[in-house]
PDB file of N, CA and C in Angstrom:
ATOM      1  N   MET A   1     -78.664 -42.810 -28.408  1.00  0.00           N
ATOM      2  CA  MET A   1     -77.951 -42.081 -27.332  1.00  0.00           C
ATOM      3  C   MET A   1     -77.086 -43.044 -26.553  1.00  0.00           C
ATOM      4  N   ILE A   2     -75.925 -42.591 -26.135  1.00  0.00           N
ATOM      5  CA  ILE A   2     -75.031 -43.372 -25.317  1.00  0.00           C
ATOM      6  C   ILE A   2     -75.461 -43.093 -23.863  1.00  0.00           C
ATOM      7  N   THR A   3     -75.598 -44.151 -23.063  1.00  0.00           N
ATOM      8  CA  THR A   3     -75.935 -44.026 -21.687  1.00  0.00           C
ATOM      9  C   THR A   3     -74.750 -44.557 -20.870  1.00  0.00           C
ATOM     10  N   ALA A   4     -74.239 -43.720 -19.999  1.00  0.00           N
ATOM     11  CA  ALA A   4     -73.156 -44.140 -19.104  1.00  0.00           C
ATOM     12  C   ALA A   4     -73.675 -44.069 -17.682  1.00  0.00           C
ATOM     13  N   GLU A   5     -73.703 -45.212 -17.047  1.00  0.00           N
ATOM     14  CA  GLU A   5     -74.213 -45.246 -15.647  1.00  0.00           C
ATOM     15  C   GLU A   5     -73.049 -45.667 -14.776  1.00  0.00           C
ATOM     16  N   PHE A   6     -72.770 -44.824 -13.760  1.00  0.00           N
ATOM     17  CA  PHE A   6     -71.665 -45.068 -12.852  1.00  0.00           C
ATOM     18  C   PHE A   6     -72.283 -45.500 -11.506  1.00  0.00           C
ATOM     19  N   TYR A   7     -71.617 -46.462 -10.886  1.00  0.00           N
ATOM     20  CA  TYR A   7     -72.078 -46.979  -9.592  1.00  0.00           C
ATOM     21  C   TYR A   7     -71.188 -46.539  -8.470  1.00  0.00           C
ATOM     22  N   ARG A   8     -71.798 -46.063  -7.381  1.00  0.00           N
ATOM     23  CA  ARG A   8     -71.038 -45.645  -6.224  1.00  0.00           C
ATOM     24  C   ARG A   8     -71.618 -46.250  -4.971  1.00  0.00           C
ATOM     25  N   THR A   9     -70.831 -46.299  -3.930  1.00  0.00           N
ATOM     26  CA  THR A   9     -71.267 -46.803  -2.656  1.00  0.00           C
ATOM     27  C   THR A   9     -71.829 -45.640  -1.845  1.00  0.00           C
ATOM     28  N   SER A  10     -72.428 -45.984  -0.677  1.00  0.00           N
ATOM     29  CA  SER A  10     -72.998 -44.944   0.197  1.00  0.00           C
ATOM     30  C   SER A  10     -71.974 -43.995   0.719  1.00  0.00           C
ATOM     31  N   ASP A  11     -70.692 -44.433   0.760  1.00  0.00           N
ATOM     32  CA  ASP A  11     -69.613 -43.518   1.196  1.00  0.00           C
ATOM     33  C   ASP A  11     -68.915 -42.828   0.012  1.00  0.00           C
ATOM     34  N   ASN A  12     -69.648 -42.803  -1.092  1.00  0.00           N
ATOM     35  CA  ASN A  12     -69.243 -41.994  -2.305  1.00  0.00           C
ATOM     36  C   ASN A  12     -68.040 -42.527  -3.036  1.00  0.00           C
ATOM     37  N   LYS A  13     -67.734 -43.818  -2.975  1.00  0.00           N
ATOM     38  CA  LYS A  13     -66.673 -44.440  -3.697  1.00  0.00           C
ATOM     39  C   LYS A  13     -67.211 -45.013  -5.004  1.00  0.00           C
ATOM     40  N   LEU A  14     -66.597 -44.738  -6.136  1.00  0.00           N
ATOM     41  CA  LEU A  14     -67.007 -45.238  -7.410  1.00  0.00           C
ATOM     42  C   LEU A  14     -66.527 -46.707  -7.513  1.00  0.00           C
ATOM     43  N   ILE A  15     -67.482 -47.621  -7.852  1.00  0.00           N
ATOM     44  CA  ILE A  15     -67.134 -49.058  -7.871  1.00  0.00           C
ATOM     45  C   ILE A  15     -67.366 -49.694  -9.242  1.00  0.00           C
ATOM     46  N   GLY A  16     -67.825 -48.952 -10.198  1.00  0.00           N
ATOM     47  CA  GLY A  16     -68.045 -49.549 -11.532  1.00  0.00           C
ATOM     48  C   GLY A  16     -68.823 -48.665 -12.438  1.00  0.00           C
ATOM     49  N   PHE A  17     -69.072 -49.178 -13.655  1.00  0.00           N
ATOM     50  CA  PHE A  17     -69.851 -48.464 -14.657  1.00  0.00           C
ATOM     51  C   PHE A  17     -70.398 -49.369 -15.711  1.00  0.00           C
ATOM     52  N   SER A  18     -71.361 -48.887 -16.445  1.00  0.00           N
ATOM     53  CA  SER A  18     -71.984 -49.567 -17.575  1.00  0.00           C
ATOM     54  C   SER A  18     -72.123 -48.477 -18.645  1.00  0.00           C
ATOM     55  N   VAL A  19     -71.620 -48.728 -19.861  1.00  0.00           N
ATOM     56  CA  VAL A  19     -71.778 -47.826 -20.946  1.00  0.00           C
ATOM     57  C   VAL A  19     -72.396 -48.547 -22.126  1.00  0.00           C
ATOM     58  N   SER A  20     -73.499 -48.043 -22.621  1.00  0.00           N
ATOM     59  CA  SER A  20     -74.184 -48.718 -23.732  1.00  0.00           C
ATOM     60  C   SER A  20     -74.814 -47.681 -24.702  1.00  0.00           C
ATOM     61  N   GLY A  21     -75.195 -48.200 -25.841  1.00  0.00           N
ATOM     62  CA  GLY A  21     -75.910 -47.401 -26.812  1.00  0.00           C
ATOM     63  C   GLY A  21     -74.992 -46.879 -27.937  1.00  0.00           C
ATOM     64  N   HIS A  22     -75.618 -46.054 -28.723  1.00  0.00           N
ATOM     65  CA  HIS A  22     -74.954 -45.473 -29.870  1.00  0.00           C
ATOM     66  C   HIS A  22     -75.320 -43.995 -29.991  1.00  0.00           C
ATOM     67  N   ALA A  23     -74.402 -43.132 -30.231  1.00  0.00           N
ATOM     68  CA  ALA A  23     -74.660 -41.668 -30.287  1.00  0.00           C
ATOM     69  C   ALA A  23     -75.658 -41.338 -31.408  1.00  0.00           C
ATOM     70  N   GLY A  24     -75.571 -42.026 -32.490  1.00  0.00           N
ATOM     71  CA  GLY A  24     -76.482 -41.721 -33.611  1.00  0.00           C
ATOM     72  C   GLY A  24     -76.109 -40.478 -34.377  1.00  0.00           C
ATOM     73  N   MET A  25     -74.901 -40.032 -34.321  1.00  0.00           N
ATOM     74  CA  MET A  25     -74.487 -38.832 -35.011  1.00  0.00           C
ATOM     75  C   MET A  25     -73.986 -39.112 -36.432  1.00  0.00           C
ATOM     76  N   ALA A  26     -73.614 -40.398 -36.618  1.00  0.00           N
ATOM     77  CA  ALA A  26     -73.115 -40.779 -37.978  1.00  0.00           C
ATOM     78  C   ALA A  26     -73.215 -42.337 -38.063  1.00  0.00           C
ATOM     79  N   ASP A  27     -72.953 -42.863 -39.228  1.00  0.00           N
ATOM     80  CA  ASP A  27     -72.959 -44.262 -39.390  1.00  0.00           C
ATOM     81  C   ASP A  27     -71.957 -45.008 -38.503  1.00  0.00           C
ATOM     82  N   PHE A  28     -72.179 -46.239 -38.263  1.00  0.00           N
ATOM     83  CA  PHE A  28     -71.287 -47.069 -37.457  1.00  0.00           C
ATOM     84  C   PHE A  28     -69.871 -46.982 -38.045  1.00  0.00           C
ATOM     85  N   GLY A  29     -68.889 -46.769 -37.155  1.00  0.00           N
ATOM     86  CA  GLY A  29     -67.525 -46.639 -37.598  1.00  0.00           C
ATOM     87  C   GLY A  29     -67.140 -45.226 -38.045  1.00  0.00           C
ATOM     88  N   GLN A  30     -68.103 -44.327 -38.136  1.00  0.00           N
ATOM     89  CA  GLN A  30     -67.852 -42.928 -38.538  1.00  0.00           C
ATOM     90  C   GLN A  30     -68.251 -41.922 -37.479  1.00  0.00           C
ATOM     91  N   ASP A  31     -68.792 -42.367 -36.345  1.00  0.00           N
ATOM     92  CA  ASP A  31     -69.372 -41.509 -35.312  1.00  0.00           C
ATOM     93  C   ASP A  31     -68.248 -41.096 -34.332  1.00  0.00           C
ATOM     94  N   ILE A  32     -67.907 -39.839 -34.342  1.00  0.00           N
ATOM     95  CA  ILE A  32     -66.818 -39.377 -33.489  1.00  0.00           C
ATOM     96  C   ILE A  32     -67.256 -39.385 -32.012  1.00  0.00           C
ATOM     97  N   ALA A  33     -68.488 -39.168 -31.724  1.00  0.00           N
ATOM     98  CA  ALA A  33     -68.903 -39.231 -30.293  1.00  0.00           C
ATOM     99  C   ALA A  33     -68.741 -40.670 -29.767  1.00  0.00           C
ATOM    100  N   CYS A  34     -69.218 -41.630 -30.565  1.00  0.00           N
ATOM    101  CA  CYS A  34     -69.083 -43.047 -30.163  1.00  0.00           C
ATOM    102  C   CYS A  34     -67.578 -43.430 -30.015  1.00  0.00           C
ATOM    103  N   ALA A  35     -66.789 -43.039 -30.976  1.00  0.00           N
ATOM    104  CA  ALA A  35     -65.373 -43.323 -30.940  1.00  0.00           C
ATOM    105  C   ALA A  35     -64.722 -42.777 -29.682  1.00  0.00           C
ATOM    106  N   SER A  36     -65.111 -41.485 -29.358  1.00  0.00           N
ATOM    107  CA  SER A  36     -64.515 -40.851 -28.171  1.00  0.00           C
ATOM    108  C   SER A  36     -64.866 -41.601 -26.907  1.00  0.00           C
ATOM    109  N   VAL A  37     -66.103 -41.939 -26.746  1.00  0.00           N
ATOM    110  CA  VAL A  37     -66.576 -42.666 -25.556  1.00  0.00           C
ATOM    111  C   VAL A  37     -65.940 -44.013 -25.509  1.00  0.00           C
ATOM    112  N   SER A  38     -65.977 -44.771 -26.599  1.00  0.00           N
ATOM    113  CA  SER A  38     -65.469 -46.150 -26.632  1.00  0.00           C
ATOM    114  C   SER A  38     -63.995 -46.147 -26.250  1.00  0.00           C
ATOM    115  N   SER A  39     -63.230 -45.263 -26.793  1.00  0.00           N
ATOM    116  CA  SER A  39     -61.840 -45.219 -26.489  1.00  0.00           C
ATOM    117  C   SER A  39     -61.533 -44.906 -25.060  1.00  0.00           C
ATOM    118  N   ALA A  40     -62.290 -43.959 -24.466  1.00  0.00           N
ATOM    119  CA  ALA A  40     -62.094 -43.587 -23.077  1.00  0.00           C
ATOM    120  C   ALA A  40     -62.437 -44.768 -22.139  1.00  0.00           C
ATOM    121  N   VAL A  41     -63.557 -45.423 -22.486  1.00  0.00           N
ATOM    122  CA  VAL A  41     -63.995 -46.573 -21.663  1.00  0.00           C
ATOM    123  C   VAL A  41     -63.009 -47.717 -21.743  1.00  0.00           C
ATOM    124  N   MET A  42     -62.542 -48.050 -22.917  1.00  0.00           N
ATOM    125  CA  MET A  42     -61.571 -49.159 -23.008  1.00  0.00           C
ATOM    126  C   MET A  42     -60.280 -48.815 -22.333  1.00  0.00           C
ATOM    127  N   LEU A  43     -59.789 -47.565 -22.494  1.00  0.00           N
ATOM    128  CA  LEU A  43     -58.571 -47.152 -21.792  1.00  0.00           C
ATOM    129  C   LEU A  43     -58.737 -47.307 -20.274  1.00  0.00           C
ATOM    130  N   THR A  44     -59.857 -46.866 -19.761  1.00  0.00           N
ATOM    131  CA  THR A  44     -60.077 -46.955 -18.305  1.00  0.00           C
ATOM    132  C   THR A  44     -60.134 -48.415 -17.875  1.00  0.00           C
ATOM    133  N   ALA A  45     -60.901 -49.233 -18.554  1.00  0.00           N
ATOM    134  CA  ALA A  45     -61.003 -50.683 -18.191  1.00  0.00           C
ATOM    135  C   ALA A  45     -59.712 -51.382 -18.229  1.00  0.00           C
ATOM    136  N   ASN A  46     -58.961 -51.128 -19.304  1.00  0.00           N
ATOM    137  CA  ASN A  46     -57.630 -51.761 -19.451  1.00  0.00           C
ATOM    138  C   ASN A  46     -56.606 -51.256 -18.398  1.00  0.00           C
ATOM    139  N   THR A  47     -56.694 -49.987 -18.108  1.00  0.00           N
ATOM    140  CA  THR A  47     -55.793 -49.431 -17.080  1.00  0.00           C
ATOM    141  C   THR A  47     -56.085 -50.028 -15.687  1.00  0.00           C
ATOM    142  N   ILE A  48     -57.379 -50.128 -15.371  1.00  0.00           N
ATOM    143  CA  ILE A  48     -57.780 -50.756 -14.113  1.00  0.00           C
ATOM    144  C   ILE A  48     -57.318 -52.190 -14.051  1.00  0.00           C
ATOM    145  N   THR A  49     -57.625 -52.994 -15.016  1.00  0.00           N
ATOM    146  CA  THR A  49     -57.327 -54.457 -14.942  1.00  0.00           C
ATOM    147  C   THR A  49     -55.940 -54.849 -15.294  1.00  0.00           C
ATOM    148  N   GLU A  50     -55.355 -54.219 -16.299  1.00  0.00           N
ATOM    149  CA  GLU A  50     -54.029 -54.619 -16.774  1.00  0.00           C
ATOM    150  C   GLU A  50     -52.894 -53.756 -16.155  1.00  0.00           C
ATOM    151  N   ALA A  51     -52.963 -52.489 -16.210  1.00  0.00           N
ATOM    152  CA  ALA A  51     -51.862 -51.668 -15.699  1.00  0.00           C
ATOM    153  C   ALA A  51     -51.788 -51.663 -14.189  1.00  0.00           C
ATOM    154  N   PHE A  52     -52.929 -51.521 -13.524  1.00  0.00           N
ATOM    155  CA  PHE A  52     -52.953 -51.480 -12.077  1.00  0.00           C
ATOM    156  C   PHE A  52     -53.246 -52.861 -11.414  1.00  0.00           C
ATOM    157  N   GLY A  53     -53.656 -53.818 -12.210  1.00  0.00           N
ATOM    158  CA  GLY A  53     -53.949 -55.164 -11.692  1.00  0.00           C
ATOM    159  C   GLY A  53     -55.044 -55.213 -10.624  1.00  0.00           C
ATOM    160  N   ILE A  54     -55.955 -54.338 -10.726  1.00  0.00           N
ATOM    161  CA  ILE A  54     -57.094 -54.299  -9.787  1.00  0.00           C
ATOM    162  C   ILE A  54     -58.111 -55.358 -10.193  1.00  0.00           C
ATOM    163  N   LYS A  55     -58.549 -56.143  -9.223  1.00  0.00           N
ATOM    164  CA  LYS A  55     -59.519 -57.202  -9.552  1.00  0.00           C
ATOM    165  C   LYS A  55     -60.879 -56.588  -9.865  1.00  0.00           C
ATOM    166  N   ALA A  56     -61.374 -56.936 -11.032  1.00  0.00           N
ATOM    167  CA  ALA A  56     -62.682 -56.350 -11.514  1.00  0.00           C
ATOM    168  C   ALA A  56     -63.341 -57.377 -12.425  1.00  0.00           C
ATOM    169  N   ALA A  57     -64.643 -57.292 -12.390  1.00  0.00           N
ATOM    170  CA  ALA A  57     -65.432 -58.059 -13.351  1.00  0.00           C
ATOM    171  C   ALA A  57     -65.659 -57.146 -14.538  1.00  0.00           C
ATOM    172  N   ALA A  58     -65.182 -57.556 -15.704  1.00  0.00           N
ATOM    173  CA  ALA A  58     -65.333 -56.743 -16.903  1.00  0.00           C
ATOM    174  C   ALA A  58     -65.959 -57.588 -18.017  1.00  0.00           C
ATOM    175  N   GLU A  59     -66.926 -56.997 -18.672  1.00  0.00           N
ATOM    176  CA  GLU A  59     -67.630 -57.714 -19.764  1.00  0.00           C
ATOM    177  C   GLU A  59     -67.834 -56.718 -20.917  1.00  0.00           C
ATOM    178  N   ALA A  60     -67.575 -57.202 -22.123  1.00  0.00           N
ATOM    179  CA  ALA A  60     -67.823 -56.388 -23.276  1.00  0.00           C
ATOM    180  C   ALA A  60     -68.724 -57.125 -24.264  1.00  0.00           C
ATOM    181  N   TYR A  61     -69.808 -56.437 -24.647  1.00  0.00           N
ATOM    182  CA  TYR A  61     -70.710 -56.969 -25.615  1.00  0.00           C
ATOM    183  C   TYR A  61     -70.659 -56.094 -26.867  1.00  0.00           C
ATOM    184  N   GLU A  62     -71.497 -56.415 -27.796  1.00  0.00           N
ATOM    185  CA  GLU A  62     -71.511 -55.636 -29.047  1.00  0.00           C
ATOM    186  C   GLU A  62     -71.820 -54.175 -28.818  1.00  0.00           C
ATOM    187  N   ASN A  63     -72.693 -53.900 -27.863  1.00  0.00           N
ATOM    188  CA  ASN A  63     -73.147 -52.512 -27.677  1.00  0.00           C
ATOM    189  C   ASN A  63     -73.151 -52.084 -26.218  1.00  0.00           C
ATOM    190  N   GLU A  64     -72.306 -52.772 -25.380  1.00  0.00           N
ATOM    191  CA  GLU A  64     -72.287 -52.454 -23.969  1.00  0.00           C
ATOM    192  C   GLU A  64     -70.993 -52.935 -23.325  1.00  0.00           C
ATOM    193  N   ILE A  65     -70.458 -52.101 -22.431  1.00  0.00           N
ATOM    194  CA  ILE A  65     -69.309 -52.487 -21.654  1.00  0.00           C
ATOM    195  C   ILE A  65     -69.642 -52.281 -20.207  1.00  0.00           C
ATOM    196  N   LEU A  66     -69.320 -53.289 -19.411  1.00  0.00           N
ATOM    197  CA  LEU A  66     -69.595 -53.245 -17.997  1.00  0.00           C
ATOM    198  C   LEU A  66     -68.300 -53.525 -17.218  1.00  0.00           C
ATOM    199  N   LEU A  67     -68.137 -52.808 -16.113  1.00  0.00           N
ATOM    200  CA  LEU A  67     -66.995 -53.095 -15.240  1.00  0.00           C
ATOM    201  C   LEU A  67     -67.423 -52.812 -13.816  1.00  0.00           C
ATOM    202  N   LYS A  68     -67.130 -53.749 -12.917  1.00  0.00           N
ATOM    203  CA  LYS A  68     -67.380 -53.564 -11.497  1.00  0.00           C
ATOM    204  C   LYS A  68     -66.129 -54.071 -10.722  1.00  0.00           C
ATOM    205  N   LEU A  69     -65.654 -53.187  -9.872  1.00  0.00           N
ATOM    206  CA  LEU A  69     -64.501 -53.526  -9.051  1.00  0.00           C
ATOM    207  C   LEU A  69     -64.843 -54.599  -8.066  1.00  0.00           C
ATOM    208  N   LYS A  70     -63.957 -55.623  -7.934  1.00  0.00           N
ATOM    209  CA  LYS A  70     -64.132 -56.653  -6.924  1.00  0.00           C
ATOM    210  C   LYS A  70     -63.365 -56.266  -5.658  1.00  0.00           C
ATOM    211  N   GLU A  71     -62.175 -55.754  -5.856  1.00  0.00           N
ATOM    212  CA  GLU A  71     -61.352 -55.258  -4.733  1.00  0.00           C
ATOM    213  C   GLU A  71     -60.674 -54.007  -5.212  1.00  0.00           C
ATOM    214  N   ASP A  72     -60.549 -53.068  -4.282  1.00  0.00           N
ATOM    215  CA  ASP A  72     -59.839 -51.805  -4.536  1.00  0.00           C
ATOM    216  C   ASP A  72     -59.242 -51.285  -3.238  1.00  0.00           C
ATOM    217  N   PRO A  73     -58.336 -52.064  -2.628  1.00  0.00           N
ATOM    218  CA  PRO A  73     -57.804 -51.703  -1.303  1.00  0.00           C
ATOM    219  C   PRO A  73     -57.084 -50.377  -1.278  1.00  0.00           C
ATOM    220  N   ARG A  74     -56.464 -49.931  -2.343  1.00  0.00           N
ATOM    221  CA  ARG A  74     -55.711 -48.690  -2.328  1.00  0.00           C
ATOM    222  C   ARG A  74     -56.537 -47.547  -2.885  1.00  0.00           C
ATOM    223  N   GLY A  75     -57.732 -47.743  -3.359  1.00  0.00           N
ATOM    224  CA  GLY A  75     -58.584 -46.701  -3.907  1.00  0.00           C
ATOM    225  C   GLY A  75     -58.205 -46.197  -5.264  1.00  0.00           C
ATOM    226  N   GLU A  76     -57.356 -46.958  -5.993  1.00  0.00           N
ATOM    227  CA  GLU A  76     -56.908 -46.486  -7.266  1.00  0.00           C
ATOM    228  C   GLU A  76     -58.011 -46.657  -8.340  1.00  0.00           C
ATOM    229  N   GLY A  77     -58.822 -47.710  -8.224  1.00  0.00           N
ATOM    230  CA  GLY A  77     -59.879 -47.911  -9.212  1.00  0.00           C
ATOM    231  C   GLY A  77     -60.897 -46.837  -9.145  1.00  0.00           C
ATOM    232  N   ASP A  78     -61.215 -46.385  -7.887  1.00  0.00           N
ATOM    233  CA  ASP A  78     -62.164 -45.288  -7.733  1.00  0.00           C
ATOM    234  C   ASP A  78     -61.691 -44.011  -8.441  1.00  0.00           C
ATOM    235  N   LYS A  79     -60.398 -43.757  -8.332  1.00  0.00           N
ATOM    236  CA  LYS A  79     -59.872 -42.549  -9.016  1.00  0.00           C
ATOM    237  C   LYS A  79     -59.861 -42.685 -10.529  1.00  0.00           C
ATOM    238  N   LEU A  80     -59.556 -43.892 -11.041  1.00  0.00           N
ATOM    239  CA  LEU A  80     -59.586 -44.091 -12.490  1.00  0.00           C
ATOM    240  C   LEU A  80     -61.024 -43.960 -13.023  1.00  0.00           C
ATOM    241  N   ILE A  81     -61.973 -44.493 -12.287  1.00  0.00           N
ATOM    242  CA  ILE A  81     -63.389 -44.418 -12.750  1.00  0.00           C
ATOM    243  C   ILE A  81     -63.828 -42.934 -12.632  1.00  0.00           C
ATOM    244  N   LEU A  82     -63.360 -42.219 -11.666  1.00  0.00           N
ATOM    245  CA  LEU A  82     -63.685 -40.747 -11.533  1.00  0.00           C
ATOM    246  C   LEU A  82     -63.105 -40.026 -12.767  1.00  0.00           C
ATOM    247  N   GLY A  83     -61.947 -40.417 -13.206  1.00  0.00           N
ATOM    248  CA  GLY A  83     -61.371 -39.791 -14.405  1.00  0.00           C
ATOM    249  C   GLY A  83     -62.269 -40.016 -15.627  1.00  0.00           C
ATOM    250  N   LEU A  84     -62.781 -41.265 -15.772  1.00  0.00           N
ATOM    251  CA  LEU A  84     -63.679 -41.549 -16.870  1.00  0.00           C
ATOM    252  C   LEU A  84     -65.007 -40.758 -16.743  1.00  0.00           C
ATOM    253  N   LEU A  85     -65.545 -40.705 -15.521  1.00  0.00           N
ATOM    254  CA  LEU A  85     -66.753 -39.894 -15.289  1.00  0.00           C
ATOM    255  C   LEU A  85     -66.557 -38.457 -15.672  1.00  0.00           C
ATOM    256  N   THR A  86     -65.473 -37.874 -15.256  1.00  0.00           N
ATOM    257  CA  THR A  86     -65.181 -36.481 -15.572  1.00  0.00           C
ATOM    258  C   THR A  86     -65.058 -36.323 -17.104  1.00  0.00           C
ATOM    259  N   HIS A  87     -64.327 -37.226 -17.759  1.00  0.00           N
ATOM    260  CA  HIS A  87     -64.169 -37.129 -19.203  1.00  0.00           C
ATOM    261  C   HIS A  87     -65.542 -37.255 -19.920  1.00  0.00           C
ATOM    262  N   LEU A  88     -66.389 -38.118 -19.481  1.00  0.00           N
ATOM    263  CA  LEU A  88     -67.666 -38.273 -20.147  1.00  0.00           C
ATOM    264  C   LEU A  88     -68.568 -37.055 -19.920  1.00  0.00           C
ATOM    265  N   TYR A  89     -68.476 -36.431 -18.787  1.00  0.00           N
ATOM    266  CA  TYR A  89     -69.214 -35.145 -18.568  1.00  0.00           C
ATOM    267  C   TYR A  89     -68.719 -34.086 -19.559  1.00  0.00           C
ATOM    268  N   MET A  90     -67.400 -34.051 -19.808  1.00  0.00           N
ATOM    269  CA  MET A  90     -66.899 -33.112 -20.766  1.00  0.00           C
ATOM    270  C   MET A  90     -67.362 -33.437 -22.158  1.00  0.00           C
ATOM    271  N   LEU A  91     -67.369 -34.701 -22.545  1.00  0.00           N
ATOM    272  CA  LEU A  91     -67.877 -35.090 -23.855  1.00  0.00           C
ATOM    273  C   LEU A  91     -69.372 -34.795 -23.985  1.00  0.00           C
ATOM    274  N   LYS A  92     -70.122 -34.906 -22.895  1.00  0.00           N
ATOM    275  CA  LYS A  92     -71.549 -34.635 -22.909  1.00  0.00           C
ATOM    276  C   LYS A  92     -71.750 -33.133 -23.227  1.00  0.00           C
ATOM    277  N   GLU A  93     -70.882 -32.302 -22.736  1.00  0.00           N
ATOM    278  CA  GLU A  93     -70.993 -30.857 -23.076  1.00  0.00           C
ATOM    279  C   GLU A  93     -70.724 -30.593 -24.576  1.00  0.00           C
ATOM    280  N   GLU A  94     -69.832 -31.407 -25.116  1.00  0.00           N
ATOM    281  CA  GLU A  94     -69.551 -31.266 -26.536  1.00  0.00           C
ATOM    282  C   GLU A  94     -70.601 -31.905 -27.429  1.00  0.00           C
ATOM    283  N   PHE A  95     -71.184 -32.981 -26.958  1.00  0.00           N
ATOM    284  CA  PHE A  95     -72.247 -33.725 -27.708  1.00  0.00           C
ATOM    285  C   PHE A  95     -73.471 -33.905 -26.813  1.00  0.00           C
ATOM    286  N   PRO A  96     -74.173 -32.827 -26.478  1.00  0.00           N
ATOM    287  CA  PRO A  96     -75.263 -32.918 -25.495  1.00  0.00           C
ATOM    288  C   PRO A  96     -76.416 -33.842 -25.856  1.00  0.00           C
ATOM    289  N   LYS A  97     -76.659 -34.041 -27.170  1.00  0.00           N
ATOM    290  CA  LYS A  97     -77.802 -34.878 -27.558  1.00  0.00           C
ATOM    291  C   LYS A  97     -77.369 -36.315 -27.793  1.00  0.00           C
ATOM    292  N   ALA A  98     -76.093 -36.613 -27.553  1.00  0.00           N
ATOM    293  CA  ALA A  98     -75.599 -37.946 -27.815  1.00  0.00           C
ATOM    294  C   ALA A  98     -75.215 -38.768 -26.620  1.00  0.00           C
ATOM    295  N   ILE A  99     -74.973 -38.115 -25.471  1.00  0.00           N
ATOM    296  CA  ILE A  99     -74.460 -38.789 -24.317  1.00  0.00           C
ATOM    297  C   ILE A  99     -75.279 -38.440 -23.065  1.00  0.00           C
ATOM    298  N   ASN A 100     -75.644 -39.425 -22.279  1.00  0.00           N
ATOM    299  CA  ASN A 100     -76.362 -39.272 -21.019  1.00  0.00           C
ATOM    300  C   ASN A 100     -75.476 -39.902 -19.945  1.00  0.00           C
ATOM    301  N   VAL A 101     -75.184 -39.170 -18.879  1.00  0.00           N
ATOM    302  CA  VAL A 101     -74.387 -39.710 -17.784  1.00  0.00           C
ATOM    303  C   VAL A 101     -75.215 -39.621 -16.489  1.00  0.00           C
ATOM    304  N   LYS A 102     -75.204 -40.750 -15.766  1.00  0.00           N
ATOM    305  CA  LYS A 102     -75.887 -40.732 -14.459  1.00  0.00           C
ATOM    306  C   LYS A 102     -75.119 -41.536 -13.451  1.00  0.00           C
ATOM    307  N   ILE A 103     -75.320 -41.264 -12.187  1.00  0.00           N
ATOM    308  CA  ILE A 103     -74.695 -41.930 -11.078  1.00  0.00           C
ATOM    309  C   ILE A 103     -75.742 -42.615 -10.213  1.00  0.00           C
ATOM    310  N   THR A 104     -75.549 -43.910  -9.908  1.00  0.00           N
ATOM    311  CA  THR A 104     -76.455 -44.714  -9.123  1.00  0.00           C
ATOM    312  C   THR A 104     -75.774 -45.211  -7.899  1.00  0.00           C
ATOM    313  N   GLU A 105     -76.458 -45.104  -6.781  1.00  0.00           N
ATOM    314  CA  GLU A 105     -75.898 -45.646  -5.546  1.00  0.00           C
ATOM    315  C   GLU A 105     -76.152 -47.130  -5.458  1.00  0.00           C
ATOM    316  N   LYS A 106     -75.122 -47.937  -5.202  1.00  0.00           N
ATOM    317  CA  LYS A 106     -75.335 -49.402  -5.140  1.00  0.00           C
ATOM    318  C   LYS A 106     -74.995 -49.860  -3.709  1.00  0.00           C
TER     319      LYS A 106
END
């Protein structure tokens, strides 16, 4: 199962996420749920760091991607992460046994 954990502050601002695991719907490289999640996560991370130039700590491992905003003075990172959260909730509806989404207050 893919686990997507989103981090938010006490004032409800999204400040990062961690996505790990494998959907287990097909072999590696053939799993459409994994491909959908991976593509959305990488698009979000690259948009935050490269397109918007928002300072963030980003790490990619074999089976996990982490991103935490360091600075977000204009609130753009929060909105981009909200877009990813919304997209993953929609994918969870399509693949309910493959994706788990949760929000943690940090």
